[in-house]
Amino acid sequence: MTRNEFMTGLRAAHGFLQDFELVLSPRWYSSFEPSEEFQRLANIPDVSYSDLFRAGLRKKDYNILLLDYSFFQFYYSDAPADLSLRYAYYPNPFRAPLPAEFIRDFDLDPWDAATTELYLQWLDEQDDLSAITPIRYEVSLCQYREYEHPASHIHFGIGVGGRWPVAKILTPDTFAILISKLYHGRIWQELCANATREGNEPAPLEQRLADACSTCAVLDEQYFSTRERHQLHLT
């Protein structure tokens, strides 16, 4: 994946999320590296997800902020001549009304920067949902080791373990569309149910995900061996 391809995928991700009516605030239209504070917290083995999430909101450590205050990060590097990708989704982990309800109940302006700070202060008093965890997709070609460290993989939760192998290099829009389907399923299902289609044709959203997946480059033998393909993996 070239930098231009990454940028094209990032713009497509933002466009899809806008069409899906999820975006509250796009902030960064290029590769984004989180703040030192966020990275420090993310590397603490026993850090709570709620603390990491709060830090991400306070520091605006995101490319795209969604209406429910979940957020995306997208990072790209090919130096020195080695592809490295990191896409992450951080869902809102709190057992509390969503920001839209908070804004409505307190008659706030959703576009006012002070509103985010008020919401963060309010979240400090709320209980978090321990079952809610982030999801990260990563590519590191130089770290590939057959069976031990997949070049392309997904992490569920905080920490470095549990790498789920992926046979392709996902584009930013493929990741964003997949997350929308998995984490915002109610909206996805409603849009699919209301979509116009003929015969057995898939709903436009399902086709859009399929089309995005079809553009993802397949890893070659050097980074995903034939023996590994015989084991369970994604895509």
C-alpha atoms as a PDB file:
ATOM      1  CA  MET A   1       0.000   0.000   0.000  1.00  0.00           C
ATOM      2  CA  THR A   2       1.405   3.367  -0.991  1.00  0.00           C
ATOM      3  CA  ARG A   3       0.847   6.568   0.963  1.00  0.00           C
ATOM      4  CA  ASN A   4      -1.484   7.802  -1.787  1.00  0.00           C
ATOM      5  CA  GLU A   5      -3.522   4.597  -1.529  1.00  0.00           C
ATOM      6  CA  PHE A   6      -3.692   5.048   2.237  1.00  0.00           C
ATOM      7  CA  MET A   7      -4.894   8.630   1.835  1.00  0.00           C
ATOM      8  CA  THR A   8      -7.497   7.568  -0.725  1.00  0.00           C
ATOM      9  CA  GLY A   9      -8.746   4.901   1.677  1.00  0.00           C
ATOM     10  CA  LEU A  10      -8.846   7.384   4.561  1.00  0.00           C
ATOM     11  CA  ARG A  11     -10.939   9.836   2.539  1.00  0.00           C
ATOM     12  CA  ALA A  12     -13.231   6.966   1.515  1.00  0.00           C
ATOM     13  CA  ALA A  13     -13.562   5.935   5.181  1.00  0.00           C
ATOM     14  CA  HIS A  14     -14.596   9.439   6.162  1.00  0.00           C
ATOM     15  CA  GLY A  15     -17.013   9.623   3.230  1.00  0.00           C
ATOM     16  CA  PHE A  16     -18.632   6.347   4.204  1.00  0.00           C
ATOM     17  CA  LEU A  17     -19.021   7.339   7.851  1.00  0.00           C
ATOM     18  CA  GLN A  18     -20.545  10.641   6.738  1.00  0.00           C
ATOM     19  CA  ASP A  19     -23.018   8.775   4.524  1.00  0.00           C
ATOM     20  CA  PHE A  20     -23.733   6.472   7.464  1.00  0.00           C
ATOM     21  CA  GLU A  21     -24.505   9.638   9.488  1.00  0.00           C
ATOM     22  CA  LEU A  22     -22.108   8.760  12.291  1.00  0.00           C
ATOM     23  CA  VAL A  23     -19.516  11.547  12.103  1.00  0.00           C
ATOM     24  CA  LEU A  24     -19.474  14.298  14.723  1.00  0.00           C
ATOM     25  CA  SER A  25     -16.059  15.755  13.972  1.00  0.00           C
ATOM     26  CA  PRO A  26     -13.450  14.826  11.350  1.00  0.00           C
ATOM     27  CA  ARG A  27     -10.125  16.134  12.632  1.00  0.00           C
ATOM     28  CA  TRP A  28      -7.164  14.648  10.799  1.00  0.00           C
ATOM     29  CA  TYR A  29      -7.130  13.738   7.101  1.00  0.00           C
ATOM     30  CA  SER A  30      -3.694  12.110   7.034  1.00  0.00           C
ATOM     31  CA  SER A  31      -1.682   9.577   8.998  1.00  0.00           C
ATOM     32  CA  PHE A  32      -2.096  10.300  12.696  1.00  0.00           C
ATOM     33  CA  GLU A  33       0.124   9.341  15.621  1.00  0.00           C
ATOM     34  CA  PRO A  34      -1.463   9.625  19.098  1.00  0.00           C
ATOM     35  CA  SER A  35      -0.071  11.909  21.790  1.00  0.00           C
ATOM     36  CA  GLU A  36       2.714  10.777  24.110  1.00  0.00           C
ATOM     37  CA  GLU A  37       0.248  10.564  26.996  1.00  0.00           C
ATOM     38  CA  PHE A  38      -2.074   8.279  25.062  1.00  0.00           C
ATOM     39  CA  GLN A  39       0.794   6.038  23.933  1.00  0.00           C
ATOM     40  CA  ARG A  40       2.163   5.884  27.475  1.00  0.00           C
ATOM     41  CA  LEU A  41      -1.185   4.790  28.884  1.00  0.00           C
ATOM     42  CA  ALA A  42      -1.707   2.289  26.065  1.00  0.00           C
ATOM     43  CA  ASN A  43       1.592   0.594  26.987  1.00  0.00           C
ATOM     44  CA  ILE A  44       0.730   0.161  30.676  1.00  0.00           C
ATOM     45  CA  PRO A  45      -0.274  -3.526  31.064  1.00  0.00           C
ATOM     46  CA  ASP A  46      -3.019  -2.982  33.643  1.00  0.00           C
ATOM     47  CA  VAL A  47      -4.418   0.343  32.408  1.00  0.00           C
ATOM     48  CA  SER A  48      -8.207   0.492  32.424  1.00  0.00           C
ATOM     49  CA  TYR A  49      -9.839   1.005  29.070  1.00  0.00           C
ATOM     50  CA  SER A  50     -12.024   3.796  30.463  1.00  0.00           C
ATOM     51  CA  ASP A  51      -8.886   5.780  31.469  1.00  0.00           C
ATOM     52  CA  LEU A  52      -7.368   5.264  28.013  1.00  0.00           C
ATOM     53  CA  PHE A  53     -10.615   6.311  26.349  1.00  0.00           C
ATOM     54  CA  ARG A  54     -10.870   9.492  28.445  1.00  0.00           C
ATOM     55  CA  ALA A  55      -7.277  10.379  27.574  1.00  0.00           C
ATOM     56  CA  GLY A  56      -8.012   9.923  23.882  1.00  0.00           C
ATOM     57  CA  LEU A  57     -10.968  12.296  24.032  1.00  0.00           C
ATOM     58  CA  ARG A  58      -9.171  14.911  26.105  1.00  0.00           C
ATOM     59  CA  LYS A  59      -6.136  14.973  23.825  1.00  0.00           C
ATOM     60  CA  LYS A  60      -8.248  14.720  20.657  1.00  0.00           C
ATOM     61  CA  ASP A  61      -6.252  11.630  19.730  1.00  0.00           C
ATOM     62  CA  TYR A  62      -8.325  10.692  16.736  1.00  0.00           C
ATOM     63  CA  ASN A  63      -8.802  11.129  13.013  1.00  0.00           C
ATOM     64  CA  ILE A  64     -12.586  10.899  13.235  1.00  0.00           C
ATOM     65  CA  LEU A  65     -14.905  11.385  16.232  1.00  0.00           C
ATOM     66  CA  LEU A  66     -18.331   9.758  15.950  1.00  0.00           C
ATOM     67  CA  LEU A  67     -21.659  10.951  17.321  1.00  0.00           C
ATOM     68  CA  ASP A  68     -21.495   8.512  20.244  1.00  0.00           C
ATOM     69  CA  TYR A  69     -17.971   9.826  21.046  1.00  0.00           C
ATOM     70  CA  SER A  70     -16.292   6.650  19.898  1.00  0.00           C
ATOM     71  CA  PHE A  71     -13.333   7.424  17.647  1.00  0.00           C
ATOM     72  CA  PHE A  72     -10.998   6.148  14.932  1.00  0.00           C
ATOM     73  CA  GLN A  73      -7.227   6.421  14.570  1.00  0.00           C
ATOM     74  CA  PHE A  74      -5.386   5.730  11.286  1.00  0.00           C
ATOM     75  CA  TYR A  75      -1.587   5.563  11.008  1.00  0.00           C
ATOM     76  CA  TYR A  76       0.684   4.849   8.025  1.00  0.00           C
ATOM     77  CA  SER A  77       4.442   4.541   7.642  1.00  0.00           C
ATOM     78  CA  ASP A  78       6.638   2.987   4.971  1.00  0.00           C
ATOM     79  CA  ALA A  79      10.009   4.090   6.317  1.00  0.00           C
ATOM     80  CA  PRO A  80      12.564   2.728   6.006  1.00  0.00           C
ATOM     81  CA  ALA A  81      11.054   0.798   3.063  1.00  0.00           C
ATOM     82  CA  ASP A  82       8.841  -1.214   5.395  1.00  0.00           C
ATOM     83  CA  LEU A  83       5.070  -0.940   5.477  1.00  0.00           C
ATOM     84  CA  SER A  84       3.552  -0.252   8.888  1.00  0.00           C
ATOM     85  CA  LEU A  85      -0.177   0.361   9.434  1.00  0.00           C
ATOM     86  CA  ARG A  86      -2.313   0.874  12.501  1.00  0.00           C
ATOM     87  CA  TYR A  87      -6.073   1.407  12.419  1.00  0.00           C
ATOM     88  CA  ALA A  88      -7.907   1.540  15.736  1.00  0.00           C
ATOM     89  CA  TYR A  89     -11.474   1.937  16.902  1.00  0.00           C
ATOM     90  CA  TYR A  90     -12.238   3.013  20.472  1.00  0.00           C
ATOM     91  CA  PRO A  91     -15.931   2.570  21.379  1.00  0.00           C
ATOM     92  CA  ASN A  92     -17.517   4.582  24.170  1.00  0.00           C
ATOM     93  CA  PRO A  93     -17.228   2.276  27.216  1.00  0.00           C
ATOM     94  CA  PHE A  94     -19.525   4.085  29.641  1.00  0.00           C
ATOM     95  CA  ARG A  95     -22.818   2.968  31.121  1.00  0.00           C
ATOM     96  CA  ALA A  96     -24.385   6.329  30.453  1.00  0.00           C
ATOM     97  CA  PRO A  97     -26.613   8.158  27.967  1.00  0.00           C
ATOM     98  CA  LEU A  98     -24.926   8.768  24.639  1.00  0.00           C
ATOM     99  CA  PRO A  99     -23.615  12.268  23.898  1.00  0.00           C
ATOM    100  CA  ALA A 100     -26.665  13.120  21.775  1.00  0.00           C
ATOM    101  CA  GLU A 101     -28.910  12.452  24.773  1.00  0.00           C
ATOM    102  CA  PHE A 102     -26.573  14.366  27.098  1.00  0.00           C
ATOM    103  CA  ILE A 103     -26.548  17.340  24.711  1.00  0.00           C
ATOM    104  CA  ARG A 104     -30.337  17.255  24.399  1.00  0.00           C
ATOM    105  CA  ASP A 105     -30.997  16.902  28.138  1.00  0.00           C
ATOM    106  CA  PHE A 106     -28.691  19.801  29.022  1.00  0.00           C
ATOM    107  CA  ASP A 107     -29.580  21.924  25.973  1.00  0.00           C
ATOM    108  CA  LEU A 108     -25.971  22.173  24.747  1.00  0.00           C
ATOM    109  CA  ASP A 109     -24.469  23.092  21.399  1.00  0.00           C
ATOM    110  CA  PRO A 110     -22.989  19.877  19.862  1.00  0.00           C
ATOM    111  CA  TRP A 111     -20.430  21.902  17.885  1.00  0.00           C
ATOM    112  CA  ASP A 112     -19.133  23.887  20.865  1.00  0.00           C
ATOM    113  CA  ALA A 113     -15.703  22.697  22.051  1.00  0.00           C
ATOM    114  CA  ALA A 114     -16.828  23.228  25.643  1.00  0.00           C
ATOM    115  CA  THR A 115     -19.487  20.556  25.196  1.00  0.00           C
ATOM    116  CA  THR A 116     -16.858  17.819  24.890  1.00  0.00           C
ATOM    117  CA  GLU A 117     -15.181  18.976  28.093  1.00  0.00           C
ATOM    118  CA  LEU A 118     -18.532  19.003  29.935  1.00  0.00           C
ATOM    119  CA  TYR A 119     -19.256  15.504  28.685  1.00  0.00           C
ATOM    120  CA  LEU A 120     -15.817  14.305  29.829  1.00  0.00           C
ATOM    121  CA  GLN A 121     -16.355  15.777  33.285  1.00  0.00           C
ATOM    122  CA  TRP A 122     -19.693  14.020  33.444  1.00  0.00           C
ATOM    123  CA  LEU A 123     -18.155  10.706  32.318  1.00  0.00           C
ATOM    124  CA  ASP A 124     -15.744  10.843  35.261  1.00  0.00           C
ATOM    125  CA  GLU A 125     -18.748  10.104  37.489  1.00  0.00           C
ATOM    126  CA  GLN A 126     -20.150   7.250  35.378  1.00  0.00           C
ATOM    127  CA  ASP A 127     -19.628   3.484  35.511  1.00  0.00           C
ATOM    128  CA  ASP A 128     -17.882   1.856  32.601  1.00  0.00           C
ATOM    129  CA  LEU A 129     -18.884  -1.340  30.789  1.00  0.00           C
ATOM    130  CA  SER A 130     -16.069  -3.825  31.351  1.00  0.00           C
ATOM    131  CA  ALA A 131     -17.119  -5.860  28.304  1.00  0.00           C
ATOM    132  CA  ILE A 132     -16.418  -2.947  25.936  1.00  0.00           C
ATOM    133  CA  THR A 133     -12.912  -3.052  24.452  1.00  0.00           C
ATOM    134  CA  PRO A 134     -11.042  -1.388  21.579  1.00  0.00           C
ATOM    135  CA  ILE A 135     -10.157  -3.133  18.324  1.00  0.00           C
ATOM    136  CA  ARG A 136      -6.885  -2.514  16.476  1.00  0.00           C
ATOM    137  CA  TYR A 137      -5.720  -3.619  13.056  1.00  0.00           C
ATOM    138  CA  GLU A 138      -1.977  -3.607  12.420  1.00  0.00           C
ATOM    139  CA  VAL A 139       0.484  -4.398   9.649  1.00  0.00           C
ATOM    140  CA  SER A 140       4.215  -4.726  10.275  1.00  0.00           C
ATOM    141  CA  LEU A 141       6.050  -6.531   7.503  1.00  0.00           C
ATOM    142  CA  CYS A 142       9.427  -6.436   9.235  1.00  0.00           C
ATOM    143  CA  GLN A 143       8.049  -8.202  12.338  1.00  0.00           C
ATOM    144  CA  TYR A 144       6.573 -11.124  10.434  1.00  0.00           C
ATOM    145  CA  ARG A 145       7.506 -14.584  11.757  1.00  0.00           C
ATOM    146  CA  GLU A 146       5.698 -17.636  10.442  1.00  0.00           C
ATOM    147  CA  TYR A 147       3.176 -18.994  12.989  1.00  0.00           C
ATOM    148  CA  GLU A 148       4.422 -16.564  15.677  1.00  0.00           C
ATOM    149  CA  HIS A 149       3.732 -13.008  14.479  1.00  0.00           C
ATOM    150  CA  PRO A 150       1.349 -12.398  11.538  1.00  0.00           C
ATOM    151  CA  ALA A 151       2.379  -9.529   9.282  1.00  0.00           C
ATOM    152  CA  SER A 152      -1.281  -8.420   9.125  1.00  0.00           C
ATOM    153  CA  HIS A 153      -3.434  -8.973  12.204  1.00  0.00           C
ATOM    154  CA  ILE A 154      -6.206  -7.731  14.486  1.00  0.00           C
ATOM    155  CA  HIS A 155      -6.033  -7.163  18.246  1.00  0.00           C
ATOM    156  CA  PHE A 156      -9.135  -7.277  20.423  1.00  0.00           C
ATOM    157  CA  GLY A 157      -8.745  -5.371  23.683  1.00  0.00           C
ATOM    158  CA  ILE A 158      -5.693  -3.751  25.295  1.00  0.00           C
ATOM    159  CA  GLY A 159      -2.314  -5.452  25.214  1.00  0.00           C
ATOM    160  CA  VAL A 160       0.014  -7.032  22.684  1.00  0.00           C
ATOM    161  CA  GLY A 161      -1.267 -10.616  22.693  1.00  0.00           C
ATOM    162  CA  GLY A 162      -4.059 -12.271  20.764  1.00  0.00           C
ATOM    163  CA  ARG A 163      -3.073 -11.457  17.179  1.00  0.00           C
ATOM    164  CA  TRP A 164      -5.749 -12.723  14.776  1.00  0.00           C
ATOM    165  CA  PRO A 165      -4.088 -13.281  11.364  1.00  0.00           C
ATOM    166  CA  VAL A 166      -5.455 -11.465   8.315  1.00  0.00           C
ATOM    167  CA  ALA A 167      -4.538 -12.636   4.814  1.00  0.00           C
ATOM    168  CA  LYS A 168      -4.901  -9.199   3.219  1.00  0.00           C
ATOM    169  CA  ILE A 169      -3.739  -5.639   3.803  1.00  0.00           C
ATOM    170  CA  LEU A 170      -6.917  -3.830   4.763  1.00  0.00           C
ATOM    171  CA  THR A 171      -7.622  -0.337   3.492  1.00  0.00           C
ATOM    172  CA  PRO A 172      -8.864   2.337   5.931  1.00  0.00           C
ATOM    173  CA  ASP A 173     -12.349   2.310   4.368  1.00  0.00           C
ATOM    174  CA  THR A 174     -12.624  -1.479   4.630  1.00  0.00           C
ATOM    175  CA  PHE A 175     -11.834  -1.221   8.356  1.00  0.00           C
ATOM    176  CA  ALA A 176     -14.308   1.643   8.880  1.00  0.00           C
ATOM    177  CA  ILE A 177     -17.126  -0.122   7.021  1.00  0.00           C
ATOM    178  CA  LEU A 178     -16.548  -3.376   8.900  1.00  0.00           C
ATOM    179  CA  ILE A 179     -16.526  -1.567  12.263  1.00  0.00           C
ATOM    180  CA  SER A 180     -19.770   0.202  11.331  1.00  0.00           C
ATOM    181  CA  LYS A 181     -21.430  -3.127  10.622  1.00  0.00           C
ATOM    182  CA  LEU A 182     -20.155  -4.817  13.789  1.00  0.00           C
ATOM    183  CA  TYR A 183     -20.427  -1.953  16.301  1.00  0.00           C
ATOM    184  CA  HIS A 184     -23.361   0.007  14.876  1.00  0.00           C
ATOM    185  CA  GLY A 185     -25.445  -2.949  13.809  1.00  0.00           C
ATOM    186  CA  ARG A 186     -28.839  -1.406  14.538  1.00  0.00           C
ATOM    187  CA  ILE A 187     -28.261   1.426  12.082  1.00  0.00           C
ATOM    188  CA  TRP A 188     -26.737  -0.999   9.572  1.00  0.00           C
ATOM    189  CA  GLN A 189     -29.715  -3.363   9.743  1.00  0.00           C
ATOM    190  CA  GLU A 190     -32.237  -0.531   9.447  1.00  0.00           C
ATOM    191  CA  LEU A 191     -30.528   0.872   6.368  1.00  0.00           C
ATOM    192  CA  CYS A 192     -30.252  -2.580   4.796  1.00  0.00           C
ATOM    193  CA  ALA A 193     -33.922  -3.311   5.505  1.00  0.00           C
ATOM    194  CA  ASN A 194     -35.026  -0.010   3.949  1.00  0.00           C
ATOM    195  CA  ALA A 195     -32.756  -0.197   0.906  1.00  0.00           C
ATOM    196  CA  THR A 196     -34.183  -0.730  -2.564  1.00  0.00           C
ATOM    197  CA  ARG A 197     -32.871  -3.848  -4.304  1.00  0.00           C
ATOM    198  CA  GLU A 198     -33.870  -6.323  -6.939  1.00  0.00           C
ATOM    199  CA  GLY A 199     -34.293 -10.067  -6.485  1.00  0.00           C
ATOM    200  CA  ASN A 200     -31.512 -11.650  -4.478  1.00  0.00           C
ATOM    201  CA  GLU A 201     -29.173  -8.690  -4.827  1.00  0.00           C
ATOM    202  CA  PRO A 202     -27.386  -7.798  -1.550  1.00  0.00           C
ATOM    203  CA  ALA A 203     -28.236  -4.554   0.206  1.00  0.00           C
ATOM    204  CA  PRO A 204     -26.066  -1.640  -0.985  1.00  0.00           C
ATOM    205  CA  LEU A 205     -24.205  -1.525   2.336  1.00  0.00           C
ATOM    206  CA  GLU A 206     -23.323  -5.217   2.126  1.00  0.00           C
ATOM    207  CA  GLN A 207     -22.144  -4.727  -1.446  1.00  0.00           C
ATOM    208  CA  ARG A 208     -20.095  -1.705  -0.413  1.00  0.00           C
ATOM    209  CA  LEU A 209     -18.287  -3.804   2.188  1.00  0.00           C
ATOM    210  CA  ALA A 210     -17.705  -6.566  -0.381  1.00  0.00           C
ATOM    211  CA  ASP A 211     -16.367  -4.049  -2.903  1.00  0.00           C
ATOM    212  CA  ALA A 212     -13.998  -2.547  -0.333  1.00  0.00           C
ATOM    213  CA  CYS A 213     -12.699  -5.990   0.628  1.00  0.00           C
ATOM    214  CA  SER A 214     -12.058  -6.809  -3.023  1.00  0.00           C
ATOM    215  CA  THR A 215      -9.640  -3.877  -3.304  1.00  0.00           C
ATOM    216  CA  CYS A 216      -7.462  -5.086  -0.418  1.00  0.00           C
ATOM    217  CA  ALA A 217      -4.133  -6.529  -1.520  1.00  0.00           C
ATOM    218  CA  VAL A 218      -3.505 -10.186  -0.706  1.00  0.00           C
ATOM    219  CA  LEU A 219      -0.302 -10.843   1.220  1.00  0.00           C
ATOM    220  CA  ASP A 220       2.186 -12.889  -0.749  1.00  0.00           C
ATOM    221  CA  GLU A 221       3.989 -16.022   0.430  1.00  0.00           C
ATOM    222  CA  GLN A 222       6.822 -13.969   1.891  1.00  0.00           C
ATOM    223  CA  TYR A 223       4.490 -12.516   4.543  1.00  0.00           C
ATOM    224  CA  PHE A 224       1.748 -15.145   4.831  1.00  0.00           C
ATOM    225  CA  SER A 225       2.866 -18.679   4.101  1.00  0.00           C
ATOM    226  CA  THR A 226       0.824 -21.406   2.424  1.00  0.00           C
ATOM    227  CA  ARG A 227       1.026 -23.414   5.641  1.00  0.00           C
ATOM    228  CA  GLU A 228      -0.507 -20.516   7.562  1.00  0.00           C
ATOM    229  CA  ARG A 229      -3.315 -20.220   4.999  1.00  0.00           C
ATOM    230  CA  HIS A 230      -4.317 -23.777   5.909  1.00  0.00           C
ATOM    231  CA  GLN A 231      -5.035 -22.572   9.447  1.00  0.00           C
ATOM    232  CA  LEU A 232      -7.857 -20.286  10.562  1.00  0.00           C
ATOM    233  CA  HIS A 233      -7.456 -16.657   9.527  1.00  0.00           C
ATOM    234  CA  LEU A 234      -9.531 -13.655   8.510  1.00  0.00           C
ATOM    235  CA  THR A 235     -10.404 -12.813   4.862  1.00  0.00           C
END
